[in-house]
Amino acid sequence: MERSEAKLDGVEQIQIVRNSVIENTLSNPALITDTDCKKFIFKRGKGWVCEINNHIVVFSIVDLEGNKAWALFLQPKFERQGIDKQIHEIMVDWYFAQN
């Protein structure tokens, strides 16, 4: 399991994770575009991912302009393993270090 900052080439996998969730599903997956993700990760805030076997299984994005967590999503098959908590802690620690 590898945790790292989100990178531009990971946006496609981030979208796959976002659209794999069972709860908080989008009625229309086109509502959150790759451009939206890039804007929040690289202009408005920052993002983190956790990869298993070179596949993103969880991601989080913090929005500094809106002062909030913009996203935290985990592929359902990885629930209850604590992976999402690790990424959440990284995101929150970084956010509070900025303010």
N, C-alpha and C. Protein backbone atom coordinates (compact mmCIF):
# COMPACT_ATOMS: atom_id res chain seq x y z
N MET A 1 0.86 -1.17 0.00
CA MET A 1 0.00 0.00 0.00
C MET A 1 0.90 1.23 0.00
N GLU A 2 0.68 2.10 -0.96
CA GLU A 2 1.49 3.30 -1.09
C GLU A 2 0.61 4.54 -1.01
N ARG A 3 0.97 5.44 -0.09
CA ARG A 3 0.24 6.71 0.04
C ARG A 3 1.10 7.81 -0.55
N SER A 4 0.45 8.73 -1.30
CA SER A 4 1.20 9.82 -1.92
C SER A 4 0.25 10.96 -2.28
N GLU A 5 0.86 12.07 -2.67
CA GLU A 5 0.07 13.19 -3.17
C GLU A 5 -0.51 12.80 -4.52
N ALA A 6 -1.69 13.32 -4.80
CA ALA A 6 -2.33 13.05 -6.09
C ALA A 6 -1.51 13.70 -7.20
N LYS A 7 -1.44 13.01 -8.32
CA LYS A 7 -0.71 13.50 -9.48
C LYS A 7 -1.66 13.61 -10.67
N LEU A 8 -1.25 14.41 -11.63
CA LEU A 8 -2.08 14.65 -12.80
C LEU A 8 -2.46 13.35 -13.51
N ASP A 9 -1.53 12.43 -13.61
CA ASP A 9 -1.84 11.18 -14.33
C ASP A 9 -2.73 10.23 -13.53
N GLY A 10 -3.08 10.61 -12.29
CA GLY A 10 -3.97 9.79 -11.48
C GLY A 10 -5.43 10.21 -11.53
N VAL A 11 -5.73 11.29 -12.22
CA VAL A 11 -7.10 11.81 -12.23
C VAL A 11 -8.08 10.80 -12.81
N GLU A 12 -7.68 10.08 -13.83
CA GLU A 12 -8.58 9.08 -14.42
C GLU A 12 -8.94 8.01 -13.38
N GLN A 13 -7.95 7.53 -12.64
CA GLN A 13 -8.23 6.52 -11.61
C GLN A 13 -9.04 7.12 -10.45
N ILE A 14 -8.79 8.37 -10.13
CA ILE A 14 -9.59 9.05 -9.09
C ILE A 14 -11.06 9.05 -9.50
N GLN A 15 -11.32 9.33 -10.76
CA GLN A 15 -12.70 9.33 -11.26
C GLN A 15 -13.32 7.93 -11.18
N ILE A 16 -12.52 6.92 -11.44
CA ILE A 16 -13.02 5.54 -11.35
C ILE A 16 -13.44 5.24 -9.90
N VAL A 17 -12.58 5.62 -8.95
CA VAL A 17 -12.93 5.42 -7.54
C VAL A 17 -14.19 6.19 -7.20
N ARG A 18 -14.26 7.46 -7.61
CA ARG A 18 -15.42 8.30 -7.29
C ARG A 18 -16.71 7.67 -7.78
N ASN A 19 -16.67 7.09 -8.95
CA ASN A 19 -17.87 6.52 -9.54
C ASN A 19 -18.13 5.07 -9.15
N SER A 20 -17.26 4.51 -8.30
CA SER A 20 -17.46 3.13 -7.85
C SER A 20 -18.22 3.05 -6.53
N VAL A 21 -18.39 4.18 -5.85
CA VAL A 21 -18.96 4.15 -4.51
C VAL A 21 -20.43 3.78 -4.53
N ILE A 22 -20.87 3.21 -3.41
CA ILE A 22 -22.26 2.79 -3.27
C ILE A 22 -23.08 3.89 -2.58
N GLU A 23 -22.44 4.59 -1.64
CA GLU A 23 -23.11 5.70 -0.95
C GLU A 23 -22.64 7.01 -1.57
N ASN A 24 -23.47 8.02 -1.51
CA ASN A 24 -23.14 9.34 -2.05
C ASN A 24 -22.78 9.25 -3.53
N THR A 25 -23.57 8.51 -4.27
CA THR A 25 -23.34 8.36 -5.70
C THR A 25 -23.80 9.62 -6.43
N LEU A 26 -23.20 9.85 -7.57
CA LEU A 26 -23.62 10.97 -8.40
C LEU A 26 -24.77 10.52 -9.29
N SER A 27 -25.80 11.32 -9.37
CA SER A 27 -26.91 10.99 -10.27
C SER A 27 -26.45 11.01 -11.72
N ASN A 28 -25.46 11.86 -11.99
CA ASN A 28 -24.89 11.96 -13.32
C ASN A 28 -23.36 12.07 -13.15
N PRO A 29 -22.62 11.02 -13.45
CA PRO A 29 -21.17 11.06 -13.28
C PRO A 29 -20.49 12.20 -14.02
N ALA A 30 -21.10 12.73 -15.04
CA ALA A 30 -20.51 13.84 -15.79
C ALA A 30 -20.53 15.15 -15.01
N LEU A 31 -21.21 15.16 -13.85
CA LEU A 31 -21.28 16.38 -13.04
C LEU A 31 -19.92 16.78 -12.48
N ILE A 32 -19.06 15.81 -12.19
CA ILE A 32 -17.72 16.08 -11.68
C ILE A 32 -16.74 15.66 -12.78
N THR A 33 -16.18 16.64 -13.45
CA THR A 33 -15.32 16.39 -14.59
C THR A 33 -13.86 16.24 -14.16
N ASP A 34 -13.04 15.76 -15.09
CA ASP A 34 -11.59 15.71 -14.84
C ASP A 34 -11.07 17.12 -14.57
N THR A 35 -11.61 18.10 -15.28
CA THR A 35 -11.21 19.49 -15.08
C THR A 35 -11.52 19.95 -13.67
N ASP A 36 -12.69 19.57 -13.14
CA ASP A 36 -13.04 19.91 -11.75
C ASP A 36 -12.02 19.32 -10.79
N CYS A 37 -11.72 18.05 -10.97
CA CYS A 37 -10.74 17.38 -10.09
C CYS A 37 -9.40 18.09 -10.13
N LYS A 38 -8.93 18.37 -11.32
CA LYS A 38 -7.63 19.03 -11.48
C LYS A 38 -7.64 20.39 -10.80
N LYS A 39 -8.73 21.13 -10.94
CA LYS A 39 -8.83 22.46 -10.33
C LYS A 39 -8.73 22.37 -8.81
N PHE A 40 -9.45 21.44 -8.21
CA PHE A 40 -9.44 21.32 -6.76
C PHE A 40 -8.11 20.75 -6.24
N ILE A 41 -7.49 19.85 -6.98
CA ILE A 41 -6.24 19.25 -6.53
C ILE A 41 -5.06 20.20 -6.70
N PHE A 42 -4.99 20.90 -7.82
CA PHE A 42 -3.78 21.64 -8.15
C PHE A 42 -3.90 23.16 -8.06
N LYS A 43 -5.10 23.70 -7.97
CA LYS A 43 -5.26 25.16 -7.89
C LYS A 43 -5.90 25.60 -6.57
N ARG A 44 -6.94 24.90 -6.16
CA ARG A 44 -7.68 25.30 -4.97
C ARG A 44 -7.21 24.62 -3.70
N GLY A 45 -6.48 23.52 -3.83
CA GLY A 45 -6.08 22.77 -2.64
C GLY A 45 -5.05 21.72 -2.95
N LYS A 46 -5.34 20.53 -2.49
CA LYS A 46 -4.38 19.44 -2.65
C LYS A 46 -5.12 18.12 -2.51
N GLY A 47 -4.54 17.06 -3.09
CA GLY A 47 -5.15 15.74 -3.00
C GLY A 47 -4.14 14.67 -2.66
N TRP A 48 -4.64 13.58 -2.14
CA TRP A 48 -3.81 12.43 -1.77
C TRP A 48 -4.50 11.16 -2.23
N VAL A 49 -3.69 10.15 -2.46
CA VAL A 49 -4.21 8.85 -2.89
C VAL A 49 -3.52 7.74 -2.13
N CYS A 50 -4.15 6.60 -2.12
CA CYS A 50 -3.52 5.38 -1.65
C CYS A 50 -3.68 4.37 -2.77
N GLU A 51 -2.55 3.76 -3.13
CA GLU A 51 -2.54 2.78 -4.21
C GLU A 51 -2.21 1.39 -3.67
N ILE A 52 -2.87 0.42 -4.24
CA ILE A 52 -2.56 -0.98 -3.99
C ILE A 52 -2.36 -1.60 -5.36
N ASN A 53 -1.21 -2.21 -5.55
CA ASN A 53 -0.86 -2.80 -6.85
C ASN A 53 -1.01 -1.80 -8.00
N ASN A 54 -0.54 -0.57 -7.76
CA ASN A 54 -0.56 0.50 -8.76
C ASN A 54 -1.95 0.96 -9.17
N HIS A 55 -2.94 0.69 -8.33
CA HIS A 55 -4.30 1.17 -8.59
C HIS A 55 -4.76 2.01 -7.40
N ILE A 56 -5.28 3.18 -7.68
CA ILE A 56 -5.80 4.04 -6.62
C ILE A 56 -7.06 3.39 -6.05
N VAL A 57 -7.08 3.25 -4.72
CA VAL A 57 -8.25 2.64 -4.07
C VAL A 57 -8.97 3.65 -3.17
N VAL A 58 -8.29 4.73 -2.83
CA VAL A 58 -8.92 5.78 -2.02
C VAL A 58 -8.25 7.10 -2.38
N PHE A 59 -9.02 8.18 -2.33
CA PHE A 59 -8.44 9.50 -2.53
C PHE A 59 -9.15 10.50 -1.65
N SER A 60 -8.43 11.58 -1.36
CA SER A 60 -9.03 12.70 -0.63
C SER A 60 -8.53 13.99 -1.27
N ILE A 61 -9.37 15.01 -1.21
CA ILE A 61 -9.03 16.32 -1.76
C ILE A 61 -9.53 17.37 -0.78
N VAL A 62 -8.66 18.31 -0.43
CA VAL A 62 -9.04 19.41 0.44
C VAL A 62 -9.11 20.68 -0.40
N ASP A 63 -10.09 21.51 -0.11
CA ASP A 63 -10.32 22.77 -0.81
C ASP A 63 -9.95 23.92 0.12
N LEU A 64 -8.79 24.54 -0.11
CA LEU A 64 -8.36 25.65 0.75
C LEU A 64 -9.24 26.88 0.56
N GLU A 65 -9.71 27.12 -0.65
CA GLU A 65 -10.55 28.29 -0.90
C GLU A 65 -11.89 28.18 -0.18
N GLY A 66 -12.44 26.99 -0.14
CA GLY A 66 -13.72 26.77 0.52
C GLY A 66 -13.58 26.33 1.97
N ASN A 67 -12.33 26.13 2.41
CA ASN A 67 -12.05 25.68 3.77
C ASN A 67 -12.82 24.43 4.14
N LYS A 68 -12.66 23.39 3.29
CA LYS A 68 -13.40 22.15 3.56
C LYS A 68 -12.74 20.98 2.85
N ALA A 69 -13.11 19.81 3.29
CA ALA A 69 -12.75 18.60 2.55
C ALA A 69 -13.68 18.54 1.35
N TRP A 70 -13.12 18.49 0.17
CA TRP A 70 -13.94 18.46 -1.04
C TRP A 70 -14.33 17.03 -1.39
N ALA A 71 -13.44 16.09 -1.08
CA ALA A 71 -13.74 14.69 -1.43
C ALA A 71 -12.93 13.73 -0.57
N LEU A 72 -13.55 12.61 -0.26
CA LEU A 72 -12.89 11.47 0.37
C LEU A 72 -13.70 10.25 -0.04
N PHE A 73 -13.15 9.47 -0.94
CA PHE A 73 -13.86 8.32 -1.47
C PHE A 73 -12.97 7.09 -1.51
N LEU A 74 -13.58 5.96 -1.25
CA LEU A 74 -12.90 4.68 -1.14
C LEU A 74 -13.65 3.64 -1.97
N GLN A 75 -12.92 2.85 -2.73
CA GLN A 75 -13.57 1.76 -3.45
C GLN A 75 -14.23 0.84 -2.42
N PRO A 76 -15.48 0.48 -2.64
CA PRO A 76 -16.23 -0.31 -1.65
C PRO A 76 -15.55 -1.60 -1.18
N LYS A 77 -14.82 -2.27 -2.05
CA LYS A 77 -14.21 -3.54 -1.63
C LYS A 77 -13.08 -3.35 -0.63
N PHE A 78 -12.67 -2.10 -0.38
CA PHE A 78 -11.61 -1.82 0.58
C PHE A 78 -12.13 -1.19 1.87
N GLU A 79 -13.45 -1.18 2.03
CA GLU A 79 -14.04 -0.63 3.25
C GLU A 79 -13.63 -1.46 4.47
N ARG A 80 -13.66 -0.80 5.62
CA ARG A 80 -13.40 -1.41 6.92
C ARG A 80 -11.96 -1.94 7.07
N GLN A 81 -11.04 -1.33 6.35
CA GLN A 81 -9.63 -1.71 6.48
C GLN A 81 -8.79 -0.55 7.03
N GLY A 82 -9.41 0.59 7.24
CA GLY A 82 -8.72 1.74 7.82
C GLY A 82 -7.92 2.57 6.83
N ILE A 83 -7.97 2.20 5.56
CA ILE A 83 -7.21 2.93 4.56
C ILE A 83 -7.72 4.36 4.43
N ASP A 84 -9.02 4.53 4.45
CA ASP A 84 -9.60 5.87 4.32
C ASP A 84 -9.22 6.76 5.51
N LYS A 85 -9.11 6.18 6.68
CA LYS A 85 -8.72 6.97 7.86
C LYS A 85 -7.31 7.51 7.71
N GLN A 86 -6.43 6.71 7.15
CA GLN A 86 -5.04 7.15 6.96
C GLN A 86 -4.98 8.35 6.02
N ILE A 87 -5.70 8.28 4.92
CA ILE A 87 -5.70 9.39 3.95
C ILE A 87 -6.39 10.61 4.56
N HIS A 88 -7.43 10.38 5.33
CA HIS A 88 -8.12 11.49 6.00
C HIS A 88 -7.17 12.22 6.94
N GLU A 89 -6.41 11.47 7.72
CA GLU A 89 -5.46 12.08 8.66
C GLU A 89 -4.39 12.89 7.93
N ILE A 90 -3.88 12.37 6.83
CA ILE A 90 -2.88 13.10 6.05
C ILE A 90 -3.48 14.42 5.56
N MET A 91 -4.69 14.35 5.03
CA MET A 91 -5.37 15.53 4.51
C MET A 91 -5.59 16.57 5.61
N VAL A 92 -6.13 16.15 6.74
CA VAL A 92 -6.44 17.06 7.83
C VAL A 92 -5.15 17.68 8.41
N ASP A 93 -4.13 16.87 8.60
CA ASP A 93 -2.86 17.39 9.11
C ASP A 93 -2.29 18.46 8.18
N TRP A 94 -2.33 18.19 6.89
CA TRP A 94 -1.81 19.17 5.92
C TRP A 94 -2.67 20.44 5.94
N TYR A 95 -3.98 20.27 5.97
CA TYR A 95 -4.88 21.42 5.97
C TYR A 95 -4.60 22.33 7.15
N PHE A 96 -4.51 21.77 8.35
CA PHE A 96 -4.30 22.61 9.54
C PHE A 96 -2.90 23.22 9.55
N ALA A 97 -1.94 22.59 8.91
CA ALA A 97 -0.60 23.17 8.82
C ALA A 97 -0.59 24.41 7.90
N GLN A 98 -1.60 24.51 7.02
CA GLN A 98 -1.68 25.65 6.12
C GLN A 98 -2.31 26.89 6.78
N ASN A 99 -3.07 26.68 7.84
CA ASN A 99 -3.84 27.78 8.44
C ASN A 99 -3.33 28.14 9.81
